[in-house]
Amino acid sequence: MPENPPSDVRMIAPAQVAEMLELDVHDVVALVLDGRLRGAKVGSPGRWRIETASVEEYLDDQAEEARRMALWRESNAASFPELWGRGPVRRGD
């Protein structure tokens, strides 16, 4: 995995975020436009810069979403007796 930017850097280029997340630069800009990453155009001409804290928050959100999806899949596979605590368990782990 590529090195993380120094902790004193508040904003980084989309190319750096793309490398960190293993995405295309256009996908990173799309995440900013969708509001999933915080960023702004700075300078003249305007160039996108993304807040490093928002990248960490985005990764935390992705991990939480994956955790919830795993729980959802697990609950869909469970039987009612397993969920309510009565009856035999179909698949004992």
C-alpha atoms as a PDB file:
ATOM      1  CA  MET A   1       0.000   0.000   0.000  1.00  0.00           C
ATOM      2  CA  PRO A   2       1.329   3.476  -0.812  1.00  0.00           C
ATOM      3  CA  GLU A   3       2.628   5.659   1.958  1.00  0.00           C
ATOM      4  CA  ASN A   4       0.141   7.927   3.686  1.00  0.00           C
ATOM      5  CA  PRO A   5       0.708  11.679   3.448  1.00  0.00           C
ATOM      6  CA  PRO A   6       2.422  13.339   6.416  1.00  0.00           C
ATOM      7  CA  SER A   7      -0.009  14.058   9.258  1.00  0.00           C
ATOM      8  CA  ASP A   8       0.504  17.826   9.012  1.00  0.00           C
ATOM      9  CA  VAL A   9      -0.883  17.881   5.445  1.00  0.00           C
ATOM     10  CA  ARG A  10      -4.553  18.860   5.503  1.00  0.00           C
ATOM     11  CA  MET A  11      -5.376  18.671   1.798  1.00  0.00           C
ATOM     12  CA  ILE A  12      -4.018  16.417  -0.903  1.00  0.00           C
ATOM     13  CA  ALA A  13      -4.403  16.030  -4.644  1.00  0.00           C
ATOM     14  CA  PRO A  14      -6.983  13.661  -6.128  1.00  0.00           C
ATOM     15  CA  ALA A  15      -4.156  11.614  -7.636  1.00  0.00           C
ATOM     16  CA  GLN A  16      -2.784  10.912  -4.149  1.00  0.00           C
ATOM     17  CA  VAL A  17      -6.240   9.904  -2.895  1.00  0.00           C
ATOM     18  CA  ALA A  18      -6.724   7.730  -5.969  1.00  0.00           C
ATOM     19  CA  GLU A  19      -3.440   5.965  -5.250  1.00  0.00           C
ATOM     20  CA  MET A  20      -4.348   5.457  -1.579  1.00  0.00           C
ATOM     21  CA  LEU A  21      -7.808   4.069  -2.398  1.00  0.00           C
ATOM     22  CA  GLU A  22      -6.715   2.269  -5.572  1.00  0.00           C
ATOM     23  CA  LEU A  23      -9.291   4.180  -7.626  1.00  0.00           C
ATOM     24  CA  ASP A  24      -9.237   6.265 -10.768  1.00  0.00           C
ATOM     25  CA  VAL A  25      -8.780  10.040 -10.317  1.00  0.00           C
ATOM     26  CA  HIS A  26     -12.167  10.619 -11.975  1.00  0.00           C
ATOM     27  CA  ASP A  27     -13.784   8.346  -9.366  1.00  0.00           C
ATOM     28  CA  VAL A  28     -12.192  10.403  -6.575  1.00  0.00           C
ATOM     29  CA  VAL A  29     -13.559  13.644  -8.040  1.00  0.00           C
ATOM     30  CA  ALA A  30     -16.969  11.948  -8.385  1.00  0.00           C
ATOM     31  CA  LEU A  31     -16.823  11.062  -4.662  1.00  0.00           C
ATOM     32  CA  VAL A  32     -16.181  14.742  -3.890  1.00  0.00           C
ATOM     33  CA  LEU A  33     -19.055  15.852  -6.112  1.00  0.00           C
ATOM     34  CA  ASP A  34     -21.329  13.263  -4.442  1.00  0.00           C
ATOM     35  CA  GLY A  35     -20.355  14.634  -1.026  1.00  0.00           C
ATOM     36  CA  ARG A  36     -18.714  11.410   0.145  1.00  0.00           C
ATOM     37  CA  LEU A  37     -15.310  13.143   0.345  1.00  0.00           C
ATOM     38  CA  ARG A  38     -14.750  16.770   1.352  1.00  0.00           C
ATOM     39  CA  GLY A  39     -12.766  18.771  -1.136  1.00  0.00           C
ATOM     40  CA  ALA A  40     -12.538  22.087  -2.935  1.00  0.00           C
ATOM     41  CA  LYS A  41     -11.005  23.673  -5.965  1.00  0.00           C
ATOM     42  CA  VAL A  42      -8.149  25.919  -4.901  1.00  0.00           C
ATOM     43  CA  GLY A  43      -5.830  28.232  -6.760  1.00  0.00           C
ATOM     44  CA  SER A  44      -6.009  29.663 -10.244  1.00  0.00           C
ATOM     45  CA  PRO A  45      -6.724  27.713 -12.313  1.00  0.00           C
ATOM     46  CA  GLY A  46      -8.768  25.761  -9.794  1.00  0.00           C
ATOM     47  CA  ARG A  47      -7.361  22.350  -8.880  1.00  0.00           C
ATOM     48  CA  TRP A  48      -9.139  19.842  -6.693  1.00  0.00           C
ATOM     49  CA  ARG A  49      -7.768  19.214  -3.222  1.00  0.00           C
ATOM     50  CA  ILE A  50      -9.292  16.707  -0.792  1.00  0.00           C
ATOM     51  CA  GLU A  51      -9.203  16.898   3.001  1.00  0.00           C
ATOM     52  CA  THR A  52      -7.151  14.031   4.415  1.00  0.00           C
ATOM     53  CA  ALA A  53      -9.569  13.656   7.345  1.00  0.00           C
ATOM     54  CA  SER A  54     -12.437  13.028   4.931  1.00  0.00           C
ATOM     55  CA  VAL A  55     -10.486  10.168   3.328  1.00  0.00           C
ATOM     56  CA  GLU A  56     -10.149   8.495   6.734  1.00  0.00           C
ATOM     57  CA  GLU A  57     -13.859   9.072   7.414  1.00  0.00           C
ATOM     58  CA  TYR A  58     -14.722   7.622   4.000  1.00  0.00           C
ATOM     59  CA  LEU A  59     -12.716   4.486   4.773  1.00  0.00           C
ATOM     60  CA  ASP A  60     -14.415   4.196   8.183  1.00  0.00           C
ATOM     61  CA  ASP A  61     -17.813   4.546   6.474  1.00  0.00           C
ATOM     62  CA  GLN A  62     -16.902   1.848   3.957  1.00  0.00           C
ATOM     63  CA  ALA A  63     -15.822  -0.517   6.733  1.00  0.00           C
ATOM     64  CA  GLU A  64     -19.061   0.125   8.645  1.00  0.00           C
ATOM     65  CA  GLU A  65     -21.132  -0.469   5.511  1.00  0.00           C
ATOM     66  CA  ALA A  66     -19.313  -3.752   4.882  1.00  0.00           C
ATOM     67  CA  ARG A  67     -19.909  -4.796   8.503  1.00  0.00           C
ATOM     68  CA  ARG A  68     -23.626  -4.038   8.236  1.00  0.00           C
ATOM     69  CA  MET A  69     -23.943  -5.889   4.939  1.00  0.00           C
ATOM     70  CA  ALA A  70     -22.263  -8.939   6.479  1.00  0.00           C
ATOM     71  CA  LEU A  71     -24.715  -8.828   9.393  1.00  0.00           C
ATOM     72  CA  TRP A  72     -27.621  -8.472   6.964  1.00  0.00           C
ATOM     73  CA  ARG A  73     -26.474 -11.491   4.937  1.00  0.00           C
ATOM     74  CA  GLU A  74     -25.995 -13.472   8.145  1.00  0.00           C
ATOM     75  CA  SER A  75     -29.481 -12.570   9.384  1.00  0.00           C
ATOM     76  CA  ASN A  76     -31.026 -13.583   6.057  1.00  0.00           C
ATOM     77  CA  ALA A  77     -29.388 -17.004   6.333  1.00  0.00           C
ATOM     78  CA  ALA A  78     -30.538 -17.588   9.929  1.00  0.00           C
ATOM     79  CA  SER A  79     -33.695 -19.526  10.741  1.00  0.00           C
ATOM     80  CA  PHE A  80     -36.458 -18.059  12.909  1.00  0.00           C
ATOM     81  CA  PRO A  81     -35.697 -20.383  15.831  1.00  0.00           C
ATOM     82  CA  GLU A  82     -32.096 -19.172  15.734  1.00  0.00           C
ATOM     83  CA  LEU A  83     -33.202 -15.548  15.746  1.00  0.00           C
ATOM     84  CA  TRP A  84     -35.758 -15.943  18.524  1.00  0.00           C
ATOM     85  CA  GLY A  85     -33.805 -18.401  20.634  1.00  0.00           C
ATOM     86  CA  ARG A  86     -36.186 -21.376  20.433  1.00  0.00           C
ATOM     87  CA  GLY A  87     -36.008 -24.657  18.660  1.00  0.00           C
ATOM     88  CA  PRO A  88     -33.083 -26.461  17.102  1.00  0.00           C
ATOM     89  CA  VAL A  89     -30.266 -24.555  15.470  1.00  0.00           C
ATOM     90  CA  ARG A  90     -29.806 -25.433  11.803  1.00  0.00           C
ATOM     91  CA  ARG A  91     -26.131 -24.652  11.521  1.00  0.00           C
ATOM     92  CA  GLY A  92     -24.230 -24.615  14.759  1.00  0.00           C
ATOM     93  CA  ASP A  93     -20.972 -22.715  14.424  1.00  0.00           C
END
